[in-house]
């Protein structure tokens, strides 16, 4: 038997994903079995299991691919290397929103079906956090973010928390062209990065250290 080409493998994976999205949006539930789903989609069980271990695995893969597409689109742009940390984080959320809008009905269904543990966002989360860590490293190197002991190592957690906030806001947004989500992205990112950047509290701590080292420590 001839080995399938990479294109044939990708095409079959895409066919499974498209058929699955259509099923859950039409029936408002997951298929009762892989056999029933495969038969309806004109596939064999073997073909399904060659790509996905279960329907939950398929959900995870769909979200993972959304994050991958958003990140590769953003990082692949000619302007990306010149972006500031703020522009990179904003770009992540704006581009992700554009990707999710292509199949909004499915992603909203999936978010609701995956609550409260968001079990279908595990791979998605890893990809977002890996990208966030690179953005944070850039921000620290460029002095756009403040290095804080025990805290700056967890900055990526703040970006993930903001991701969940944006997803929840977007899923309930009924404004034209989801313009309220655009505003929520900008305002939440501005606040988050202000907290990660140099603040009056940092200046107070610096002054306190200076005074201690140069005044009290001399006594």
N, C-alpha and C. Protein backbone atom coordinates (compact mmCIF):
# COMPACT_ATOMS: atom_id res chain seq x y z
N UNK A 1 0.84 -1.19 0.00
CA UNK A 1 0.00 0.00 0.00
C UNK A 1 0.88 1.25 0.00
N UNK A 2 0.59 2.19 -0.85
CA UNK A 2 1.39 3.40 -0.96
C UNK A 2 1.19 4.28 0.26
N UNK A 3 2.26 4.89 0.70
CA UNK A 3 2.19 5.81 1.84
C UNK A 3 1.54 7.11 1.41
N UNK A 4 0.64 7.62 2.24
CA UNK A 4 -0.04 8.86 1.91
C UNK A 4 0.94 10.03 1.93
N UNK A 5 0.76 10.94 1.02
CA UNK A 5 1.59 12.13 0.99
C UNK A 5 1.19 13.05 2.13
N UNK A 6 2.07 13.99 2.44
CA UNK A 6 1.79 14.94 3.52
C UNK A 6 0.53 15.74 3.20
N UNK A 7 0.36 16.12 1.94
CA UNK A 7 -0.81 16.90 1.54
C UNK A 7 -2.09 16.08 1.75
N UNK A 8 -2.05 14.80 1.39
CA UNK A 8 -3.23 13.95 1.59
C UNK A 8 -3.56 13.82 3.07
N UNK A 9 -2.52 13.73 3.90
CA UNK A 9 -2.73 13.63 5.34
C UNK A 9 -3.38 14.89 5.89
N UNK A 10 -2.85 16.05 5.47
CA UNK A 10 -3.40 17.33 5.90
C UNK A 10 -4.84 17.49 5.42
N UNK A 11 -5.09 17.12 4.16
CA UNK A 11 -6.44 17.23 3.59
C UNK A 11 -7.43 16.38 4.37
N UNK A 12 -7.03 15.16 4.74
CA UNK A 12 -7.92 14.29 5.49
C UNK A 12 -8.19 14.84 6.88
N UNK A 13 -7.15 15.37 7.51
CA UNK A 13 -7.32 15.99 8.83
C UNK A 13 -8.28 17.17 8.74
N UNK A 14 -8.13 17.98 7.70
CA UNK A 14 -9.02 19.12 7.49
C UNK A 14 -10.46 18.66 7.25
N UNK A 15 -10.62 17.56 6.52
CA UNK A 15 -11.95 17.02 6.25
C UNK A 15 -12.62 16.57 7.53
N UNK A 16 -11.86 15.92 8.40
CA UNK A 16 -12.40 15.46 9.68
C UNK A 16 -12.83 16.65 10.53
N UNK A 17 -11.97 17.67 10.59
CA UNK A 17 -12.28 18.86 11.38
C UNK A 17 -13.53 19.55 10.85
N UNK A 18 -13.61 19.74 9.54
CA UNK A 18 -14.77 20.40 8.94
C UNK A 18 -16.06 19.63 9.21
N UNK A 19 -15.98 18.31 9.07
CA UNK A 19 -17.16 17.47 9.30
C UNK A 19 -17.58 17.51 10.76
N UNK A 20 -16.60 17.55 11.66
CA UNK A 20 -16.90 17.60 13.09
C UNK A 20 -17.55 18.93 13.47
N UNK A 21 -16.99 20.02 12.96
CA UNK A 21 -17.59 21.33 13.23
C UNK A 21 -19.03 21.39 12.75
N UNK A 22 -19.25 20.88 11.55
CA UNK A 22 -20.60 20.88 10.98
C UNK A 22 -21.55 20.04 11.84
N UNK A 23 -21.07 18.91 12.33
CA UNK A 23 -21.92 18.02 13.14
C UNK A 23 -22.34 18.69 14.44
N UNK A 24 -21.36 19.20 15.19
CA UNK A 24 -21.70 19.75 16.51
C UNK A 24 -22.57 21.00 16.40
N UNK A 25 -22.39 21.77 15.33
CA UNK A 25 -23.22 22.97 15.16
C UNK A 25 -24.61 22.63 14.67
N UNK A 26 -24.74 21.53 13.94
CA UNK A 26 -26.05 21.10 13.47
C UNK A 26 -26.84 20.38 14.56
N UNK A 27 -26.14 19.52 15.31
CA UNK A 27 -26.79 18.69 16.32
C UNK A 27 -26.68 19.28 17.73
N UNK A 28 -25.82 20.28 17.91
CA UNK A 28 -25.58 20.91 19.20
C UNK A 28 -25.08 19.91 20.25
N UNK A 29 -24.27 18.97 19.81
CA UNK A 29 -23.67 17.99 20.71
C UNK A 29 -22.57 17.24 19.94
N UNK A 30 -21.72 16.55 20.70
CA UNK A 30 -20.72 15.71 20.06
C UNK A 30 -21.40 14.47 19.47
N UNK A 31 -20.80 13.86 18.45
CA UNK A 31 -21.36 12.60 17.92
C UNK A 31 -21.39 11.53 19.01
N UNK A 32 -22.32 10.61 18.89
CA UNK A 32 -22.46 9.57 19.91
C UNK A 32 -21.32 8.57 19.86
N UNK A 33 -20.71 8.41 18.71
CA UNK A 33 -19.59 7.48 18.58
C UNK A 33 -18.74 7.85 17.37
N UNK A 34 -17.50 7.40 17.38
CA UNK A 34 -16.62 7.63 16.24
C UNK A 34 -17.16 6.91 15.02
N UNK A 35 -17.72 5.72 15.22
CA UNK A 35 -18.26 4.94 14.10
C UNK A 35 -19.37 5.72 13.39
N UNK A 36 -20.33 6.24 14.19
CA UNK A 36 -21.46 6.96 13.60
C UNK A 36 -20.98 8.23 12.89
N UNK A 37 -20.03 8.93 13.52
CA UNK A 37 -19.51 10.15 12.92
C UNK A 37 -18.77 9.86 11.62
N UNK A 38 -17.91 8.84 11.66
CA UNK A 38 -17.12 8.51 10.48
C UNK A 38 -18.02 8.09 9.31
N UNK A 39 -19.04 7.32 9.62
CA UNK A 39 -19.96 6.88 8.57
C UNK A 39 -20.67 8.07 7.94
N UNK A 40 -21.11 9.00 8.75
CA UNK A 40 -21.80 10.20 8.25
C UNK A 40 -20.86 11.07 7.42
N UNK A 41 -19.57 11.09 7.80
CA UNK A 41 -18.60 11.93 7.10
C UNK A 41 -17.97 11.25 5.90
N UNK A 42 -18.35 9.98 5.66
CA UNK A 42 -17.77 9.25 4.54
C UNK A 42 -16.34 8.82 4.80
N UNK A 43 -16.05 8.51 6.07
CA UNK A 43 -14.72 8.08 6.47
C UNK A 43 -14.78 6.72 7.14
N UNK A 44 -13.64 6.14 7.41
CA UNK A 44 -13.57 4.92 8.20
C UNK A 44 -13.09 5.27 9.61
N UNK A 45 -13.38 4.43 10.57
CA UNK A 45 -12.87 4.66 11.92
C UNK A 45 -11.34 4.73 11.92
N UNK A 46 -10.72 3.90 11.11
CA UNK A 46 -9.27 3.85 11.03
C UNK A 46 -8.71 5.21 10.61
N UNK A 47 -9.37 5.85 9.66
CA UNK A 47 -8.92 7.16 9.20
C UNK A 47 -9.05 8.20 10.31
N UNK A 48 -10.14 8.13 11.07
CA UNK A 48 -10.30 9.07 12.18
C UNK A 48 -9.20 8.87 13.21
N UNK A 49 -9.00 7.63 13.65
CA UNK A 49 -8.03 7.37 14.71
C UNK A 49 -6.59 7.56 14.27
N UNK A 50 -6.36 7.63 12.98
CA UNK A 50 -5.01 7.92 12.49
C UNK A 50 -4.63 9.37 12.78
N UNK A 51 -5.64 10.21 13.05
CA UNK A 51 -5.39 11.63 13.28
C UNK A 51 -5.76 12.08 14.69
N UNK A 52 -6.80 11.48 15.27
CA UNK A 52 -7.28 11.94 16.57
C UNK A 52 -7.65 10.75 17.45
N UNK A 53 -7.32 10.86 18.75
CA UNK A 53 -7.59 9.75 19.66
C UNK A 53 -9.03 9.73 20.15
N UNK A 54 -9.69 10.89 20.12
CA UNK A 54 -11.06 11.00 20.62
C UNK A 54 -11.64 12.32 20.14
N UNK A 55 -12.92 12.55 20.44
CA UNK A 55 -13.53 13.83 20.10
C UNK A 55 -12.94 14.96 20.95
N UNK A 56 -12.62 14.66 22.20
CA UNK A 56 -12.00 15.68 23.05
C UNK A 56 -10.62 16.05 22.51
N UNK A 57 -9.90 15.05 22.03
CA UNK A 57 -8.60 15.30 21.41
C UNK A 57 -8.78 16.17 20.16
N UNK A 58 -9.83 15.93 19.43
CA UNK A 58 -10.14 16.73 18.23
C UNK A 58 -10.44 18.17 18.61
N UNK A 59 -11.21 18.38 19.66
CA UNK A 59 -11.49 19.73 20.16
C UNK A 59 -10.19 20.46 20.50
N UNK A 60 -9.31 19.76 21.23
CA UNK A 60 -8.03 20.36 21.62
C UNK A 60 -7.22 20.75 20.38
N UNK A 61 -7.22 19.87 19.38
CA UNK A 61 -6.46 20.12 18.16
C UNK A 61 -6.99 21.34 17.41
N UNK A 62 -8.30 21.51 17.40
CA UNK A 62 -8.89 22.66 16.70
C UNK A 62 -8.47 23.96 17.37
N UNK A 63 -8.51 24.00 18.69
CA UNK A 63 -8.07 25.20 19.42
C UNK A 63 -6.57 25.43 19.24
N UNK A 64 -5.81 24.36 19.29
CA UNK A 64 -4.36 24.46 19.12
C UNK A 64 -4.02 25.05 17.75
N UNK A 65 -4.72 24.62 16.73
CA UNK A 65 -4.47 25.13 15.38
C UNK A 65 -4.86 26.59 15.25
N UNK A 66 -5.88 27.00 15.99
CA UNK A 66 -6.27 28.42 15.97
C UNK A 66 -5.14 29.27 16.54
N UNK A 67 -4.57 28.83 17.66
CA UNK A 67 -3.45 29.57 18.26
C UNK A 67 -2.24 29.56 17.33
N UNK A 68 -1.97 28.41 16.75
CA UNK A 68 -0.83 28.29 15.83
C UNK A 68 -0.98 29.23 14.64
N UNK A 69 -2.18 29.28 14.08
CA UNK A 69 -2.43 30.14 12.93
C UNK A 69 -2.26 31.61 13.29
N UNK A 70 -2.82 32.00 14.45
CA UNK A 70 -2.71 33.40 14.88
C UNK A 70 -1.26 33.80 15.12
N UNK A 71 -0.51 32.95 15.80
CA UNK A 71 0.88 33.26 16.14
C UNK A 71 1.76 33.28 14.89
N UNK A 72 1.58 32.30 14.00
CA UNK A 72 2.40 32.26 12.79
C UNK A 72 2.09 33.44 11.87
N UNK A 73 0.82 33.84 11.82
CA UNK A 73 0.44 35.00 11.01
C UNK A 73 1.08 36.27 11.56
N UNK A 74 1.00 36.44 12.88
CA UNK A 74 1.56 37.63 13.52
C UNK A 74 3.08 37.66 13.39
N UNK A 75 3.73 36.57 13.81
CA UNK A 75 5.20 36.54 13.82
C UNK A 75 5.79 36.53 12.41
N UNK A 76 4.98 36.12 11.44
CA UNK A 76 5.46 36.06 10.07
C UNK A 76 5.35 37.37 9.31
N UNK A 77 4.74 38.37 9.92
CA UNK A 77 4.59 39.66 9.24
C UNK A 77 5.93 40.40 9.20
N UNK A 78 6.12 41.22 8.19
CA UNK A 78 7.37 41.95 8.00
C UNK A 78 7.62 42.93 9.14
N UNK A 79 6.56 43.44 9.72
CA UNK A 79 6.69 44.48 10.74
C UNK A 79 6.97 43.93 12.14
N UNK A 80 6.79 42.62 12.32
CA UNK A 80 6.80 42.06 13.67
C UNK A 80 8.09 42.34 14.44
N UNK A 81 9.23 42.21 13.82
CA UNK A 81 10.50 42.39 14.53
C UNK A 81 10.65 43.79 15.10
N UNK A 82 9.99 44.75 14.48
CA UNK A 82 10.09 46.14 14.96
C UNK A 82 9.02 46.45 16.00
N UNK A 83 8.12 45.52 16.27
CA UNK A 83 7.04 45.76 17.23
C UNK A 83 7.58 45.90 18.64
N UNK A 84 6.95 46.78 19.41
CA UNK A 84 7.22 46.86 20.84
C UNK A 84 6.51 45.69 21.53
N UNK A 85 6.78 45.53 22.81
CA UNK A 85 6.11 44.47 23.57
C UNK A 85 4.60 44.67 23.55
N UNK A 86 4.17 45.90 23.74
CA UNK A 86 2.74 46.21 23.71
C UNK A 86 2.13 45.83 22.37
N UNK A 87 2.80 46.16 21.29
CA UNK A 87 2.28 45.85 19.96
C UNK A 87 2.23 44.34 19.72
N UNK A 88 3.17 43.61 20.27
CA UNK A 88 3.19 42.15 20.11
C UNK A 88 2.03 41.50 20.86
N UNK A 89 1.77 41.98 22.07
CA UNK A 89 0.66 41.40 22.84
C UNK A 89 -0.68 41.79 22.21
N UNK A 90 -0.81 43.04 21.83
CA UNK A 90 -2.04 43.47 21.15
C UNK A 90 -2.22 42.68 19.86
N UNK A 91 -1.14 42.51 19.12
CA UNK A 91 -1.20 41.76 17.86
C UNK A 91 -1.65 40.33 18.07
N UNK A 92 -1.19 39.71 19.15
CA UNK A 92 -1.61 38.35 19.46
C UNK A 92 -3.12 38.27 19.63
N UNK A 93 -3.69 39.17 20.43
CA UNK A 93 -5.12 39.10 20.71
C UNK A 93 -5.97 39.52 19.52
N UNK A 94 -5.54 40.55 18.80
CA UNK A 94 -6.30 40.97 17.63
C UNK A 94 -6.28 39.89 16.53
N UNK A 95 -5.12 39.29 16.31
CA UNK A 95 -5.01 38.25 15.28
C UNK A 95 -5.77 37.00 15.69
N UNK A 96 -5.69 36.65 16.96
CA UNK A 96 -6.44 35.49 17.45
C UNK A 96 -7.93 35.70 17.27
N UNK A 97 -8.40 36.90 17.58
CA UNK A 97 -9.82 37.20 17.40
C UNK A 97 -10.24 37.03 15.94
N UNK A 98 -9.40 37.48 15.02
CA UNK A 98 -9.72 37.33 13.59
C UNK A 98 -9.83 35.86 13.21
N UNK A 99 -8.92 35.05 13.72
CA UNK A 99 -8.94 33.61 13.42
C UNK A 99 -10.21 32.97 13.98
N UNK A 100 -10.54 33.29 15.22
CA UNK A 100 -11.72 32.69 15.86
C UNK A 100 -13.02 33.16 15.19
N UNK A 101 -13.02 34.38 14.68
CA UNK A 101 -14.23 34.89 14.02
C UNK A 101 -14.59 34.10 12.77
N UNK A 102 -13.60 33.42 12.18
CA UNK A 102 -13.87 32.62 10.97
C UNK A 102 -14.82 31.46 11.26
N UNK A 103 -14.81 30.98 12.51
CA UNK A 103 -15.71 29.88 12.91
C UNK A 103 -16.27 30.18 14.30
N UNK A 104 -16.77 31.38 14.46
CA UNK A 104 -17.21 31.88 15.77
C UNK A 104 -18.21 30.94 16.45
N UNK A 105 -19.19 30.48 15.70
CA UNK A 105 -20.25 29.63 16.30
C UNK A 105 -19.66 28.38 16.93
N UNK A 106 -18.69 27.77 16.25
CA UNK A 106 -18.10 26.56 16.80
C UNK A 106 -17.30 26.86 18.07
N UNK A 107 -16.48 27.89 18.03
CA UNK A 107 -15.64 28.18 19.19
C UNK A 107 -16.46 28.57 20.42
N UNK A 108 -17.56 29.27 20.21
CA UNK A 108 -18.43 29.60 21.34
C UNK A 108 -19.06 28.33 21.90
N UNK A 109 -19.52 27.44 21.01
CA UNK A 109 -20.06 26.16 21.46
C UNK A 109 -19.00 25.40 22.26
N UNK A 110 -17.78 25.36 21.73
CA UNK A 110 -16.71 24.61 22.38
C UNK A 110 -16.34 25.18 23.74
N UNK A 111 -16.33 26.50 23.86
CA UNK A 111 -16.05 27.13 25.16
C UNK A 111 -17.08 26.73 26.20
N UNK A 112 -18.34 26.76 25.80
CA UNK A 112 -19.41 26.41 26.74
C UNK A 112 -19.38 24.92 27.08
N UNK A 113 -19.06 24.09 26.08
CA UNK A 113 -19.02 22.65 26.31
C UNK A 113 -17.83 22.26 27.18
N UNK A 114 -16.76 23.05 27.12
CA UNK A 114 -15.55 22.73 27.86
C UNK A 114 -15.50 23.28 29.27
N UNK A 115 -16.45 24.09 29.66
CA UNK A 115 -16.47 24.65 31.01
C UNK A 115 -16.85 23.60 32.02
N UNK A 116 -16.46 23.75 33.32
CA UNK A 116 -15.71 24.88 33.87
C UNK A 116 -14.19 24.71 33.80
N UNK A 117 -13.69 23.56 33.37
CA UNK A 117 -12.26 23.29 33.43
C UNK A 117 -11.52 23.66 32.15
N UNK A 118 -12.26 24.06 31.11
CA UNK A 118 -11.64 24.38 29.83
C UNK A 118 -10.68 23.27 29.39
N UNK A 119 -11.15 22.03 29.53
CA UNK A 119 -10.29 20.90 29.21
C UNK A 119 -9.86 20.88 27.75
N UNK A 120 -10.64 21.55 26.90
CA UNK A 120 -10.30 21.57 25.48
C UNK A 120 -9.31 22.66 25.12
N UNK A 121 -8.79 23.40 26.12
CA UNK A 121 -7.85 24.48 25.84
C UNK A 121 -6.42 24.16 26.30
N UNK A 122 -6.15 22.90 26.63
CA UNK A 122 -4.83 22.55 27.17
C UNK A 122 -3.71 22.85 26.18
N UNK A 123 -3.81 22.36 24.97
CA UNK A 123 -2.77 22.59 23.96
C UNK A 123 -2.74 24.06 23.55
N UNK A 124 -3.91 24.64 23.45
CA UNK A 124 -4.06 26.06 23.13
C UNK A 124 -3.31 26.90 24.17
N UNK A 125 -3.49 26.56 25.44
CA UNK A 125 -2.83 27.30 26.51
C UNK A 125 -1.32 27.20 26.41
N UNK A 126 -0.81 25.99 26.17
CA UNK A 126 0.64 25.81 26.06
C UNK A 126 1.23 26.67 24.94
N UNK A 127 0.52 26.72 23.82
CA UNK A 127 1.03 27.49 22.68
C UNK A 127 1.01 29.00 23.00
N UNK A 128 -0.07 29.47 23.62
CA UNK A 128 -0.15 30.88 24.00
C UNK A 128 0.92 31.23 25.01
N UNK A 129 1.13 30.37 25.99
CA UNK A 129 2.12 30.65 27.03
C UNK A 129 3.54 30.61 26.47
N UNK A 130 3.84 29.68 25.57
CA UNK A 130 5.17 29.63 24.96
C UNK A 130 5.47 30.91 24.20
N UNK A 131 4.47 31.40 23.46
CA UNK A 131 4.65 32.65 22.72
C UNK A 131 4.78 33.81 23.70
N UNK A 132 3.97 33.81 24.75
CA UNK A 132 4.00 34.89 25.74
C UNK A 132 5.37 34.99 26.39
N UNK A 133 5.99 33.86 26.68
CA UNK A 133 7.31 33.87 27.31
C UNK A 133 8.35 34.54 26.42
N UNK A 134 8.26 34.30 25.11
CA UNK A 134 9.18 34.94 24.17
C UNK A 134 8.94 36.44 24.13
N UNK A 135 7.68 36.85 24.15
CA UNK A 135 7.35 38.28 24.15
C UNK A 135 7.86 38.94 25.42
N UNK A 136 7.69 38.27 26.55
CA UNK A 136 8.14 38.81 27.83
C UNK A 136 9.66 38.95 27.86
N UNK A 137 10.37 37.94 27.34
CA UNK A 137 11.83 38.03 27.27
C UNK A 137 12.27 39.25 26.47
N UNK A 138 11.56 39.49 25.36
CA UNK A 138 11.84 40.66 24.54
C UNK A 138 11.60 41.94 25.34
N UNK A 139 10.48 41.99 26.06
CA UNK A 139 10.13 43.17 26.84
C UNK A 139 11.13 43.45 27.95
N UNK A 140 11.61 42.40 28.61
CA UNK A 140 12.61 42.57 29.67
C UNK A 140 13.94 43.02 29.08
N UNK A 141 14.33 42.44 27.96
CA UNK A 141 15.59 42.82 27.32
C UNK A 141 15.58 44.26 26.85
N UNK A 142 14.42 44.72 26.38
CA UNK A 142 14.29 46.09 25.88
C UNK A 142 13.94 47.09 26.98
N UNK A 143 13.87 46.59 28.22
CA UNK A 143 13.54 47.43 29.38
C UNK A 143 12.12 48.02 29.29
N UNK A 144 11.27 47.37 28.52
CA UNK A 144 9.87 47.80 28.43
C UNK A 144 9.06 47.20 29.58
N UNK A 145 9.57 46.12 30.14
CA UNK A 145 8.96 45.49 31.30
C UNK A 145 9.96 45.51 32.44
N UNK A 146 9.45 45.53 33.66
CA UNK A 146 10.31 45.61 34.83
C UNK A 146 10.60 44.21 35.37
N UNK A 147 11.88 43.95 35.59
CA UNK A 147 12.26 42.66 36.18
C UNK A 147 12.01 42.72 37.67
N UNK A 148 11.20 41.80 38.17
CA UNK A 148 10.88 41.75 39.60
C UNK A 148 11.11 40.34 40.12
N UNK A 149 11.81 40.24 41.22
CA UNK A 149 12.14 38.94 41.80
C UNK A 149 10.87 38.15 42.12
N UNK A 150 10.84 36.91 41.67
CA UNK A 150 9.74 35.97 41.88
C UNK A 150 8.47 36.31 41.09
N UNK A 151 8.40 37.51 40.52
CA UNK A 151 7.16 37.92 39.84
C UNK A 151 7.29 37.89 38.33
N UNK A 152 8.41 38.41 37.80
CA UNK A 152 8.54 38.48 36.34
C UNK A 152 8.56 37.10 35.69
N UNK A 153 8.96 36.08 36.46
CA UNK A 153 8.94 34.71 35.92
C UNK A 153 7.51 34.21 35.69
N UNK A 154 6.54 34.93 36.27
CA UNK A 154 5.14 34.50 36.14
C UNK A 154 4.33 35.48 35.29
N UNK A 155 4.98 36.40 34.60
CA UNK A 155 4.25 37.35 33.76
C UNK A 155 3.39 36.65 32.71
N UNK A 156 3.87 35.49 32.24
CA UNK A 156 3.10 34.78 31.21
C UNK A 156 1.75 34.31 31.74
N UNK A 157 1.67 34.09 33.06
CA UNK A 157 0.38 33.71 33.66
C UNK A 157 -0.63 34.85 33.50
N UNK A 158 -0.14 36.08 33.59
CA UNK A 158 -1.04 37.24 33.45
C UNK A 158 -1.57 37.31 32.02
N UNK A 159 -0.72 37.00 31.04
CA UNK A 159 -1.17 37.02 29.65
C UNK A 159 -2.19 35.91 29.41
N UNK A 160 -1.98 34.75 30.03
CA UNK A 160 -2.96 33.66 29.89
C UNK A 160 -4.29 34.05 30.54
N UNK A 161 -4.22 34.66 31.73
CA UNK A 161 -5.45 35.09 32.40
C UNK A 161 -6.18 36.12 31.54
N UNK A 162 -5.42 36.99 30.89
CA UNK A 162 -6.03 37.99 30.02
C UNK A 162 -6.65 37.32 28.79
N UNK A 163 -6.03 36.24 28.34
CA UNK A 163 -6.59 35.48 27.21
C UNK A 163 -7.97 34.94 27.56
N UNK A 164 -8.10 34.37 28.75
CA UNK A 164 -9.39 33.84 29.19
C UNK A 164 -10.42 34.96 29.32
N UNK A 165 -9.98 36.11 29.83
CA UNK A 165 -10.88 37.26 29.94
C UNK A 165 -11.38 37.68 28.56
N UNK A 166 -10.47 37.78 27.60
CA UNK A 166 -10.84 38.19 26.24
C UNK A 166 -11.77 37.17 25.60
N UNK A 167 -11.48 35.88 25.76
CA UNK A 167 -12.34 34.84 25.18
C UNK A 167 -13.75 34.93 25.74
N UNK A 168 -13.86 35.13 27.05
CA UNK A 168 -15.18 35.22 27.67
C UNK A 168 -15.91 36.47 27.19
N UNK A 169 -15.19 37.60 27.11
CA UNK A 169 -15.81 38.84 26.66
C UNK A 169 -16.27 38.69 25.20
N UNK A 170 -15.39 38.16 24.38
CA UNK A 170 -15.69 37.98 22.95
C UNK A 170 -16.90 37.07 22.73
N UNK A 171 -17.00 36.01 23.53
CA UNK A 171 -18.09 35.05 23.36
C UNK A 171 -19.45 35.65 23.70
N UNK A 172 -19.45 36.75 24.46
CA UNK A 172 -20.71 37.40 24.83
C UNK A 172 -20.91 38.75 24.14
N UNK A 173 -20.00 39.10 23.25
CA UNK A 173 -20.04 40.40 22.58
C UNK A 173 -21.09 40.40 21.47
N UNK A 174 -22.04 41.32 21.55
CA UNK A 174 -23.08 41.42 20.51
C UNK A 174 -22.98 42.75 19.75
N UNK A 175 -21.82 43.41 19.85
CA UNK A 175 -21.65 44.68 19.15
C UNK A 175 -21.29 44.44 17.69
N UNK A 176 -21.58 45.41 16.81
CA UNK A 176 -21.24 45.27 15.38
C UNK A 176 -19.74 45.07 15.20
N UNK A 177 -19.39 44.04 14.41
CA UNK A 177 -17.98 43.72 14.11
C UNK A 177 -17.17 43.48 15.39
N UNK A 178 -17.89 43.19 16.48
CA UNK A 178 -17.25 42.90 17.77
C UNK A 178 -16.30 44.01 18.20
N UNK A 179 -16.74 45.25 17.98
CA UNK A 179 -15.91 46.41 18.28
C UNK A 179 -15.67 46.56 19.78
N UNK A 180 -16.61 46.07 20.61
CA UNK A 180 -16.40 46.14 22.05
C UNK A 180 -15.26 45.23 22.49
N UNK A 181 -15.10 44.09 21.80
CA UNK A 181 -13.98 43.20 22.11
C UNK A 181 -12.66 43.88 21.78
N UNK A 182 -12.62 44.60 20.66
CA UNK A 182 -11.42 45.36 20.31
C UNK A 182 -11.05 46.33 21.42
N UNK A 183 -12.06 47.02 21.96
CA UNK A 183 -11.81 47.98 23.04
C UNK A 183 -11.35 47.26 24.31
N UNK A 184 -11.97 46.11 24.60
CA UNK A 184 -11.60 45.34 25.79
C UNK A 184 -10.16 44.85 25.68
N UNK A 185 -9.75 44.46 24.49
CA UNK A 185 -8.38 44.02 24.27
C UNK A 185 -7.40 45.15 24.57
N UNK A 186 -7.66 46.30 23.98
CA UNK A 186 -6.74 47.43 24.15
C UNK A 186 -6.64 47.87 25.60
N UNK A 187 -7.79 48.00 26.27
CA UNK A 187 -7.79 48.49 27.65
C UNK A 187 -7.15 47.48 28.60
N UNK A 188 -7.44 46.19 28.42
CA UNK A 188 -6.90 45.17 29.33
C UNK A 188 -5.40 44.99 29.11
N UNK A 189 -4.94 45.06 27.88
CA UNK A 189 -3.51 44.93 27.60
C UNK A 189 -2.76 46.14 28.14
N UNK A 190 -3.32 47.34 27.96
CA UNK A 190 -2.67 48.54 28.48
C UNK A 190 -2.48 48.44 30.00
N UNK A 191 -3.53 48.02 30.70
CA UNK A 191 -3.45 47.90 32.15
C UNK A 191 -2.43 46.83 32.55
N UNK A 192 -2.49 45.68 31.90
CA UNK A 192 -1.60 44.58 32.23
C UNK A 192 -0.13 44.98 32.07
N UNK A 193 0.19 45.64 30.95
CA UNK A 193 1.58 46.00 30.69
C UNK A 193 2.03 47.16 31.57
N UNK A 194 1.10 48.03 31.96
CA UNK A 194 1.45 49.08 32.91
C UNK A 194 1.86 48.47 34.25
N UNK A 195 1.17 47.43 34.66
CA UNK A 195 1.51 46.75 35.91
C UNK A 195 2.84 46.02 35.81
N UNK A 196 3.17 45.53 34.61
CA UNK A 196 4.43 44.83 34.40
C UNK A 196 5.60 45.81 34.22
N UNK A 197 5.29 47.04 33.85
CA UNK A 197 6.33 48.03 33.61
C UNK A 197 6.74 48.75 34.87
N UNK A 198 7.56 49.77 34.69
CA UNK A 198 8.03 50.58 35.83
C UNK A 198 6.86 51.35 36.42
N UNK A 199 6.69 51.26 37.72
CA UNK A 199 5.57 51.92 38.39
C UNK A 199 6.08 52.83 39.51
N UNK A 200 5.22 53.70 40.03
CA UNK A 200 5.63 54.55 41.17
C UNK A 200 6.13 53.72 42.35
N UNK A 201 5.55 52.52 42.52
CA UNK A 201 5.97 51.67 43.63
C UNK A 201 7.43 51.24 43.45
N UNK A 202 7.81 50.93 42.19
CA UNK A 202 9.20 50.56 41.92
C UNK A 202 10.14 51.71 42.26
N UNK A 203 9.72 52.94 41.92
CA UNK A 203 10.54 54.11 42.21
C UNK A 203 10.70 54.30 43.71
N UNK A 204 9.62 54.04 44.45
CA UNK A 204 9.67 54.14 45.91
C UNK A 204 10.63 53.11 46.49
N UNK A 205 10.58 51.89 45.96
CA UNK A 205 11.47 50.83 46.43
C UNK A 205 12.92 51.19 46.12
N UNK A 206 13.16 51.71 44.90
CA UNK A 206 14.52 52.11 44.52
C UNK A 206 15.05 53.20 45.45
N UNK A 207 14.19 54.17 45.76
CA UNK A 207 14.59 55.25 46.65
C UNK A 207 14.89 54.70 48.05
N UNK A 208 14.04 53.79 48.51
CA UNK A 208 14.25 53.19 49.82
C UNK A 208 15.57 52.45 49.90
N UNK A 209 15.90 51.70 48.86
CA UNK A 209 17.17 50.97 48.82
C UNK A 209 18.35 51.95 48.83
N UNK A 210 18.21 53.01 48.05
CA UNK A 210 19.27 54.01 47.96
C UNK A 210 19.52 54.66 49.31
N UNK A 211 18.43 55.05 49.97
CA UNK A 211 18.57 55.71 51.27
C UNK A 211 19.15 54.76 52.31
N UNK A 212 18.74 53.51 52.26
CA UNK A 212 19.24 52.53 53.23
C UNK A 212 20.74 52.31 53.04
N UNK A 213 21.15 52.19 51.75
CA UNK A 213 22.54 51.90 51.45
C UNK A 213 23.45 53.11 51.70
N UNK A 214 22.90 54.30 51.53
CA UNK A 214 23.74 55.48 51.58
C UNK A 214 23.53 56.34 52.83
N UNK A 215 22.57 56.00 53.65
CA UNK A 215 22.31 56.78 54.86
C UNK A 215 22.36 55.89 56.09
N UNK A 216 21.37 55.05 56.22
CA UNK A 216 21.26 54.23 57.43
C UNK A 216 22.39 53.21 57.52
N UNK A 217 22.83 52.70 56.37
CA UNK A 217 23.83 51.64 56.37
C UNK A 217 25.22 52.17 56.77
N UNK A 218 25.39 53.51 56.77
CA UNK A 218 26.67 54.09 57.11
C UNK A 218 26.84 54.27 58.62
N UNK A 219 25.74 54.18 59.33
CA UNK A 219 25.80 54.38 60.78
C UNK A 219 26.35 53.16 61.48
